Amino acid sequence: ITVEKEDHTVGNLVRMQLHRDDQIVFAGYKVEHPLEHRVLFKVRTSDVTTPLESFKSALNCLESECADLEIQMANKVGHMLPR
């Protein structure tokens, strides 16, 4: 699976999220060259699911976690602002 215009930041986040899935047998990534903003993922799953399904699920989980963090941050900052 190739993701364009990204680097190690996204690569490591997605890899770690994939490792949370019990159906993942192997998940890794590489950036072939530091000047190329392209991340290549290698995902191997059990027979229950496909690598692409697991990859999409990992992205959805990360999106949900980011939304939760955004809400929590907004709530904390909102409490800190003077009224």
C-alpha atoms as a PDB file:
ATOM      1  CA  ILE A   1       0.000   0.000   0.000  1.00  0.00           C
ATOM      2  CA  THR A   2       1.516   3.328  -1.050  1.00  0.00           C
ATOM      3  CA  VAL A   3       0.650   6.667   0.556  1.00  0.00           C
ATOM      4  CA  GLU A   4       1.819   9.754  -1.308  1.00  0.00           C
ATOM      5  CA  LYS A   5       2.905  13.090   0.228  1.00  0.00           C
ATOM      6  CA  GLU A   6       3.571  11.652   3.697  1.00  0.00           C
ATOM      7  CA  ASP A   7       6.620  10.694   5.752  1.00  0.00           C
ATOM      8  CA  HIS A   8       7.699   8.810   8.881  1.00  0.00           C
ATOM      9  CA  THR A   9       5.220  10.695  11.069  1.00  0.00           C
ATOM     10  CA  VAL A  10       2.197   9.168   9.376  1.00  0.00           C
ATOM     11  CA  GLY A  11       4.027   5.932   8.631  1.00  0.00           C
ATOM     12  CA  ASN A  12       4.754   5.206  12.264  1.00  0.00           C
ATOM     13  CA  LEU A  13       1.274   6.249  13.440  1.00  0.00           C
ATOM     14  CA  VAL A  14      -0.433   3.912  10.985  1.00  0.00           C
ATOM     15  CA  ARG A  15       2.000   1.077  11.680  1.00  0.00           C
ATOM     16  CA  MET A  16       1.390   1.287  15.420  1.00  0.00           C
ATOM     17  CA  GLN A  17      -2.382   1.409  14.894  1.00  0.00           C
ATOM     18  CA  LEU A  18      -2.183  -1.658  12.670  1.00  0.00           C
ATOM     19  CA  HIS A  19      -0.323  -3.521  15.430  1.00  0.00           C
ATOM     20  CA  ARG A  20      -3.320  -3.002  17.722  1.00  0.00           C
ATOM     21  CA  ASP A  21      -5.408  -5.217  15.412  1.00  0.00           C
ATOM     22  CA  ASP A  22      -5.370  -8.909  16.384  1.00  0.00           C
ATOM     23  CA  GLN A  23      -5.799  -9.917  12.723  1.00  0.00           C
ATOM     24  CA  ILE A  24      -2.478  -8.328  11.712  1.00  0.00           C
ATOM     25  CA  VAL A  25       0.359 -10.801  11.253  1.00  0.00           C
ATOM     26  CA  PHE A  26       2.879  -8.205  10.044  1.00  0.00           C
ATOM     27  CA  ALA A  27       2.801  -4.442   9.547  1.00  0.00           C
ATOM     28  CA  GLY A  28       5.749  -2.342   8.482  1.00  0.00           C
ATOM     29  CA  TYR A  29       6.587   0.656   6.376  1.00  0.00           C
ATOM     30  CA  LYS A  30       9.499   2.309   4.653  1.00  0.00           C
ATOM     31  CA  VAL A  31      10.351   5.620   3.090  1.00  0.00           C
ATOM     32  CA  GLU A  32      12.621   4.709   0.211  1.00  0.00           C
ATOM     33  CA  HIS A  33      14.369   8.078   0.002  1.00  0.00           C
ATOM     34  CA  PRO A  34      14.308  11.099   2.346  1.00  0.00           C
ATOM     35  CA  LEU A  35      13.530  13.476  -0.524  1.00  0.00           C
ATOM     36  CA  GLU A  36      10.571  11.396  -1.734  1.00  0.00           C
ATOM     37  CA  HIS A  37       7.418  11.971   0.279  1.00  0.00           C
ATOM     38  CA  ARG A  38       6.028   8.508  -0.199  1.00  0.00           C
ATOM     39  CA  VAL A  39       5.420   5.820   2.411  1.00  0.00           C
ATOM     40  CA  LEU A  40       5.255   2.179   1.386  1.00  0.00           C
ATOM     41  CA  PHE A  41       3.333  -0.087   3.774  1.00  0.00           C
ATOM     42  CA  LYS A  42       3.548  -3.831   3.898  1.00  0.00           C
ATOM     43  CA  VAL A  43       0.637  -5.467   5.708  1.00  0.00           C
ATOM     44  CA  ARG A  44      -0.024  -9.162   6.193  1.00  0.00           C
ATOM     45  CA  THR A  45      -3.240 -10.330   7.827  1.00  0.00           C
ATOM     46  CA  SER A  46      -4.881 -13.547   8.909  1.00  0.00           C
ATOM     47  CA  ASP A  47      -7.431 -15.191   6.621  1.00  0.00           C
ATOM     48  CA  VAL A  48     -10.278 -13.353   8.376  1.00  0.00           C
ATOM     49  CA  THR A  49      -9.620  -9.993   6.697  1.00  0.00           C
ATOM     50  CA  THR A  50      -7.601  -8.383   3.923  1.00  0.00           C
ATOM     51  CA  PRO A  51      -4.654  -5.999   4.288  1.00  0.00           C
ATOM     52  CA  LEU A  52      -6.635  -3.189   2.635  1.00  0.00           C
ATOM     53  CA  GLU A  53      -9.601  -3.633   4.991  1.00  0.00           C
ATOM     54  CA  SER A  54      -7.272  -3.588   8.001  1.00  0.00           C
ATOM     55  CA  PHE A  55      -5.469  -0.531   6.652  1.00  0.00           C
ATOM     56  CA  LYS A  56      -8.758   1.342   6.179  1.00  0.00           C
ATOM     57  CA  SER A  57      -9.877   0.324   9.664  1.00  0.00           C
ATOM     58  CA  ALA A  58      -6.615   1.611  11.155  1.00  0.00           C
ATOM     59  CA  LEU A  59      -7.076   4.954   9.367  1.00  0.00           C
ATOM     60  CA  ASN A  60     -10.653   5.222  10.656  1.00  0.00           C
ATOM     61  CA  CYS A  61      -9.504   4.520  14.220  1.00  0.00           C
ATOM     62  CA  LEU A  62      -6.776   7.161  13.941  1.00  0.00           C
ATOM     63  CA  GLU A  63      -9.256   9.673  12.561  1.00  0.00           C
ATOM     64  CA  SER A  64     -11.564   8.992  15.511  1.00  0.00           C
ATOM     65  CA  GLU A  65      -8.718   9.336  18.017  1.00  0.00           C
ATOM     66  CA  CYS A  66      -7.659  12.652  16.473  1.00  0.00           C
ATOM     67  CA  ALA A  67     -11.225  13.956  16.631  1.00  0.00           C
ATOM     68  CA  ASP A  68     -11.420  12.969  20.309  1.00  0.00           C
ATOM     69  CA  LEU A  69      -8.123  14.719  21.025  1.00  0.00           C
ATOM     70  CA  GLU A  70      -9.337  17.830  19.224  1.00  0.00           C
ATOM     71  CA  ILE A  71     -12.497  17.921  21.347  1.00  0.00           C
ATOM     72  CA  GLN A  72     -10.571  17.369  24.578  1.00  0.00           C
ATOM     73  CA  MET A  73      -8.079  20.079  23.668  1.00  0.00           C
ATOM     74  CA  ALA A  74     -10.839  22.550  22.799  1.00  0.00           C
ATOM     75  CA  ASN A  75     -12.542  21.834  26.132  1.00  0.00           C
ATOM     76  CA  LYS A  76      -9.334  22.337  28.113  1.00  0.00           C
ATOM     77  CA  VAL A  77      -8.373  25.511  26.273  1.00  0.00           C
ATOM     78  CA  GLY A  78     -11.930  26.811  26.623  1.00  0.00           C
ATOM     79  CA  HIS A  79     -11.706  26.394  30.412  1.00  0.00           C
ATOM     80  CA  MET A  80      -8.393  28.226  30.517  1.00  0.00           C
ATOM     81  CA  LEU A  81      -9.528  31.307  28.583  1.00  0.00           C
ATOM     82  CA  PRO A  82     -10.460  34.342  30.693  1.00  0.00           C
ATOM     83  CA  ARG A  83     -14.114  35.296  30.657  1.00  0.00           C
END
